[in-house]
Amino acid sequence: ELTDDTCSLVPQVLKSCTEFIEKHGIVDGIYRLSGIASNIQKLRHEFDSEQIPDLTKDIYIQDIHCVGSLCKLYFRELPNPLLTYQLYEKFS
């Protein structure tokens, strides 16, 4: 469970996207299927512009997979992976 302290550590892009997916995106393959690239880039740009985009816009509701794809993109672009290099052997 997330507390106020841990919520402040979660980047806004992940918080917004996961809350939206939990509310609207319970569909098969939400994280497996990719969204439309132009929608992903538009959504990314909105977050990069220091805005919290309205994820209930038709463009995102109709392409719910772009929201999941943005989450995956965020994790791929981290400087250090979630499963850190130091712990890789233990995980494998």
N, C-alpha and C. Protein backbone atom coordinates (compact mmCIF):
# COMPACT_ATOMS: atom_id res chain seq x y z
N GLU A 1 0.84 -1.18 0.00
CA GLU A 1 0.00 0.00 0.00
C GLU A 1 0.89 1.24 0.00
N LEU A 2 0.51 2.22 -0.79
CA LEU A 2 1.28 3.45 -0.87
C LEU A 2 0.81 4.43 0.20
N THR A 3 1.77 4.99 0.92
CA THR A 3 1.47 6.02 1.90
C THR A 3 1.80 7.37 1.27
N ASP A 4 1.50 8.44 1.97
CA ASP A 4 1.83 9.78 1.46
C ASP A 4 3.33 9.92 1.24
N ASP A 5 4.12 9.30 2.14
CA ASP A 5 5.58 9.39 2.01
C ASP A 5 6.07 8.67 0.76
N THR A 6 5.56 7.47 0.50
CA THR A 6 6.03 6.73 -0.67
C THR A 6 5.44 7.31 -1.95
N CYS A 7 4.25 7.88 -1.89
CA CYS A 7 3.66 8.49 -3.08
C CYS A 7 4.50 9.65 -3.58
N SER A 8 5.11 10.38 -2.66
CA SER A 8 5.94 11.51 -3.09
C SER A 8 7.20 11.04 -3.80
N LEU A 9 7.59 9.79 -3.62
CA LEU A 9 8.76 9.23 -4.28
C LEU A 9 8.45 8.66 -5.66
N VAL A 10 7.17 8.46 -5.94
CA VAL A 10 6.75 7.89 -7.22
C VAL A 10 6.63 9.03 -8.24
N PRO A 11 7.33 8.92 -9.37
CA PRO A 11 7.22 9.97 -10.39
C PRO A 11 5.78 10.14 -10.85
N GLN A 12 5.40 11.38 -11.13
CA GLN A 12 4.02 11.69 -11.52
C GLN A 12 3.56 10.89 -12.73
N VAL A 13 4.44 10.70 -13.70
CA VAL A 13 4.07 9.95 -14.90
C VAL A 13 3.63 8.53 -14.53
N LEU A 14 4.34 7.87 -13.63
CA LEU A 14 3.97 6.51 -13.23
C LEU A 14 2.70 6.51 -12.39
N LYS A 15 2.60 7.47 -11.49
CA LYS A 15 1.42 7.54 -10.64
C LYS A 15 0.16 7.75 -11.48
N SER A 16 0.19 8.73 -12.38
CA SER A 16 -0.97 9.03 -13.21
C SER A 16 -1.33 7.85 -14.12
N CYS A 17 -0.33 7.29 -14.77
CA CYS A 17 -0.59 6.20 -15.72
C CYS A 17 -1.12 4.95 -15.03
N THR A 18 -0.52 4.57 -13.91
CA THR A 18 -0.98 3.35 -13.24
C THR A 18 -2.37 3.53 -12.63
N GLU A 19 -2.65 4.70 -12.10
CA GLU A 19 -4.01 4.95 -11.57
C GLU A 19 -5.03 4.88 -12.69
N PHE A 20 -4.70 5.45 -13.84
CA PHE A 20 -5.60 5.42 -14.99
C PHE A 20 -5.82 3.99 -15.48
N ILE A 21 -4.75 3.23 -15.56
CA ILE A 21 -4.86 1.84 -16.03
C ILE A 21 -5.69 1.01 -15.06
N GLU A 22 -5.49 1.20 -13.76
CA GLU A 22 -6.27 0.46 -12.78
C GLU A 22 -7.76 0.80 -12.88
N LYS A 23 -8.05 2.04 -13.24
CA LYS A 23 -9.46 2.46 -13.33
C LYS A 23 -10.09 2.10 -14.67
N HIS A 24 -9.34 2.24 -15.77
CA HIS A 24 -9.93 2.09 -17.10
C HIS A 24 -9.33 0.98 -17.95
N GLY A 25 -8.20 0.47 -17.55
CA GLY A 25 -7.43 -0.37 -18.47
C GLY A 25 -7.35 -1.84 -18.15
N ILE A 26 -8.33 -2.36 -17.46
CA ILE A 26 -8.28 -3.78 -17.16
C ILE A 26 -8.73 -4.54 -18.41
N VAL A 27 -7.77 -4.66 -19.34
CA VAL A 27 -8.00 -5.38 -20.59
C VAL A 27 -6.84 -6.34 -20.78
N ASP A 28 -7.07 -7.38 -21.55
CA ASP A 28 -6.00 -8.34 -21.82
C ASP A 28 -4.82 -7.66 -22.48
N GLY A 29 -3.64 -7.97 -21.99
CA GLY A 29 -2.42 -7.50 -22.62
C GLY A 29 -2.13 -6.02 -22.45
N ILE A 30 -2.63 -5.41 -21.38
CA ILE A 30 -2.45 -3.96 -21.23
C ILE A 30 -0.98 -3.57 -21.26
N TYR A 31 -0.10 -4.38 -20.69
CA TYR A 31 1.32 -4.06 -20.72
C TYR A 31 2.06 -4.85 -21.80
N ARG A 32 1.40 -5.81 -22.40
CA ARG A 32 2.04 -6.63 -23.43
C ARG A 32 1.91 -5.99 -24.80
N LEU A 33 0.75 -5.41 -25.09
CA LEU A 33 0.52 -4.80 -26.40
C LEU A 33 0.99 -3.35 -26.40
N SER A 34 1.49 -2.91 -27.53
CA SER A 34 1.98 -1.54 -27.66
C SER A 34 0.87 -0.61 -28.14
N GLY A 35 0.97 0.63 -27.70
CA GLY A 35 0.06 1.65 -28.18
C GLY A 35 0.58 2.24 -29.48
N ILE A 36 -0.18 3.13 -30.06
CA ILE A 36 0.21 3.81 -31.29
C ILE A 36 1.34 4.79 -30.95
N ALA A 37 2.44 4.70 -31.71
CA ALA A 37 3.65 5.48 -31.41
C ALA A 37 3.38 6.97 -31.29
N SER A 38 2.56 7.52 -32.18
CA SER A 38 2.29 8.96 -32.13
C SER A 38 1.53 9.33 -30.86
N ASN A 39 0.66 8.45 -30.39
CA ASN A 39 -0.06 8.72 -29.13
C ASN A 39 0.88 8.65 -27.93
N ILE A 40 1.81 7.70 -27.97
CA ILE A 40 2.78 7.57 -26.88
C ILE A 40 3.64 8.82 -26.81
N GLN A 41 4.10 9.29 -27.96
CA GLN A 41 4.95 10.48 -27.98
C GLN A 41 4.18 11.73 -27.55
N LYS A 42 2.93 11.82 -27.94
CA LYS A 42 2.10 12.97 -27.53
C LYS A 42 1.93 12.97 -26.01
N LEU A 43 1.65 11.81 -25.45
CA LEU A 43 1.47 11.68 -24.01
C LEU A 43 2.79 11.99 -23.28
N ARG A 44 3.88 11.48 -23.81
CA ARG A 44 5.19 11.74 -23.21
C ARG A 44 5.49 13.24 -23.22
N HIS A 45 5.20 13.89 -24.34
CA HIS A 45 5.43 15.33 -24.45
C HIS A 45 4.62 16.10 -23.40
N GLU A 46 3.39 15.68 -23.19
CA GLU A 46 2.55 16.36 -22.20
C GLU A 46 3.16 16.24 -20.81
N PHE A 47 3.64 15.05 -20.44
CA PHE A 47 4.29 14.90 -19.13
C PHE A 47 5.60 15.67 -19.08
N ASP A 48 6.37 15.66 -20.17
CA ASP A 48 7.65 16.38 -20.21
C ASP A 48 7.45 17.89 -20.09
N SER A 49 6.29 18.38 -20.48
CA SER A 49 5.98 19.81 -20.40
C SER A 49 5.49 20.21 -19.01
N GLU A 50 5.76 19.32 -18.04
CA GLU A 50 5.38 19.59 -16.64
C GLU A 50 3.87 19.68 -16.45
N GLN A 51 3.13 19.07 -17.33
CA GLN A 51 1.68 19.04 -17.17
C GLN A 51 1.27 17.66 -16.68
N ILE A 52 0.10 17.60 -16.10
CA ILE A 52 -0.51 16.30 -15.83
C ILE A 52 -1.63 16.19 -16.84
N PRO A 53 -1.43 15.41 -17.89
CA PRO A 53 -2.42 15.37 -18.97
C PRO A 53 -3.74 14.76 -18.53
N ASP A 54 -4.77 15.13 -19.24
CA ASP A 54 -6.10 14.56 -19.02
C ASP A 54 -6.14 13.22 -19.74
N LEU A 55 -5.94 12.14 -19.01
CA LEU A 55 -5.90 10.81 -19.62
C LEU A 55 -7.28 10.31 -20.04
N THR A 56 -8.32 11.05 -19.66
CA THR A 56 -9.66 10.61 -20.06
C THR A 56 -10.05 11.15 -21.44
N LYS A 57 -9.12 11.83 -22.12
CA LYS A 57 -9.39 12.27 -23.50
C LYS A 57 -9.63 11.04 -24.36
N ASP A 58 -10.47 11.20 -25.38
CA ASP A 58 -10.79 10.08 -26.27
C ASP A 58 -9.54 9.42 -26.85
N ILE A 59 -8.53 10.23 -27.16
CA ILE A 59 -7.32 9.68 -27.79
C ILE A 59 -6.68 8.62 -26.89
N TYR A 60 -6.70 8.83 -25.59
CA TYR A 60 -6.08 7.87 -24.67
C TYR A 60 -7.03 6.75 -24.28
N ILE A 61 -8.31 7.06 -24.16
CA ILE A 61 -9.29 6.01 -23.86
C ILE A 61 -9.35 5.00 -25.01
N GLN A 62 -9.31 5.50 -26.24
CA GLN A 62 -9.39 4.62 -27.41
C GLN A 62 -8.10 3.85 -27.64
N ASP A 63 -6.99 4.38 -27.15
CA ASP A 63 -5.70 3.70 -27.28
C ASP A 63 -5.10 3.55 -25.89
N ILE A 64 -5.79 2.77 -25.05
CA ILE A 64 -5.36 2.59 -23.66
C ILE A 64 -3.95 2.02 -23.58
N HIS A 65 -3.55 1.29 -24.61
CA HIS A 65 -2.22 0.67 -24.60
C HIS A 65 -1.09 1.70 -24.67
N CYS A 66 -1.38 2.91 -25.15
CA CYS A 66 -0.33 3.94 -25.18
C CYS A 66 0.05 4.35 -23.76
N VAL A 67 -0.89 4.26 -22.82
CA VAL A 67 -0.61 4.63 -21.44
C VAL A 67 0.33 3.57 -20.82
N GLY A 68 0.02 2.31 -21.05
CA GLY A 68 0.90 1.24 -20.58
C GLY A 68 2.26 1.29 -21.25
N SER A 69 2.28 1.63 -22.52
CA SER A 69 3.54 1.74 -23.26
C SER A 69 4.41 2.86 -22.71
N LEU A 70 3.79 3.95 -22.28
CA LEU A 70 4.56 5.05 -21.70
C LEU A 70 5.22 4.61 -20.40
N CYS A 71 4.52 3.82 -19.61
CA CYS A 71 5.12 3.29 -18.37
C CYS A 71 6.34 2.43 -18.70
N LYS A 72 6.19 1.56 -19.68
CA LYS A 72 7.32 0.69 -20.06
C LYS A 72 8.48 1.53 -20.58
N LEU A 73 8.19 2.56 -21.36
CA LEU A 73 9.22 3.44 -21.89
C LEU A 73 9.97 4.13 -20.75
N TYR A 74 9.24 4.58 -19.75
CA TYR A 74 9.86 5.24 -18.60
C TYR A 74 10.88 4.30 -17.95
N PHE A 75 10.46 3.05 -17.71
CA PHE A 75 11.36 2.10 -17.06
C PHE A 75 12.56 1.75 -17.93
N ARG A 76 12.36 1.67 -19.25
CA ARG A 76 13.47 1.36 -20.16
C ARG A 76 14.52 2.47 -20.17
N GLU A 77 14.10 3.70 -19.96
CA GLU A 77 15.01 4.83 -20.07
C GLU A 77 15.65 5.23 -18.73
N LEU A 78 15.38 4.48 -17.68
CA LEU A 78 16.03 4.78 -16.40
C LEU A 78 17.54 4.58 -16.55
N PRO A 79 18.35 5.41 -15.91
CA PRO A 79 19.81 5.25 -16.02
C PRO A 79 20.29 3.92 -15.42
N ASN A 80 19.62 3.46 -14.38
CA ASN A 80 19.92 2.16 -13.78
C ASN A 80 18.63 1.35 -13.79
N PRO A 81 18.70 0.09 -14.18
CA PRO A 81 17.48 -0.71 -14.23
C PRO A 81 16.88 -0.95 -12.84
N LEU A 82 15.59 -1.26 -12.83
CA LEU A 82 14.94 -1.57 -11.55
C LEU A 82 15.61 -2.77 -10.89
N LEU A 83 15.91 -3.78 -11.70
CA LEU A 83 16.65 -4.93 -11.21
C LEU A 83 18.13 -4.58 -11.40
N THR A 84 18.69 -3.96 -10.39
CA THR A 84 20.00 -3.33 -10.51
C THR A 84 21.08 -4.30 -10.96
N TYR A 85 22.11 -3.74 -11.57
CA TYR A 85 23.24 -4.55 -12.03
C TYR A 85 23.87 -5.32 -10.87
N GLN A 86 23.94 -4.70 -9.71
CA GLN A 86 24.56 -5.32 -8.55
C GLN A 86 23.79 -6.56 -8.09
N LEU A 87 22.48 -6.53 -8.27
CA LEU A 87 21.66 -7.65 -7.80
C LEU A 87 21.28 -8.63 -8.91
N TYR A 88 21.79 -8.41 -10.10
CA TYR A 88 21.39 -9.23 -11.25
C TYR A 88 21.58 -10.72 -11.02
N GLU A 89 22.73 -11.10 -10.48
CA GLU A 89 23.02 -12.52 -10.24
C GLU A 89 21.99 -13.14 -9.29
N LYS A 90 21.61 -12.42 -8.26
CA LYS A 90 20.63 -12.95 -7.29
C LYS A 90 19.27 -13.11 -7.94
N PHE A 91 18.90 -12.17 -8.83
CA PHE A 91 17.60 -12.26 -9.50
C PHE A 91 17.56 -13.41 -10.50
N SER A 92 18.67 -13.66 -11.17
CA SER A 92 18.67 -14.72 -12.19
C SER A 92 18.90 -16.04 -11.52
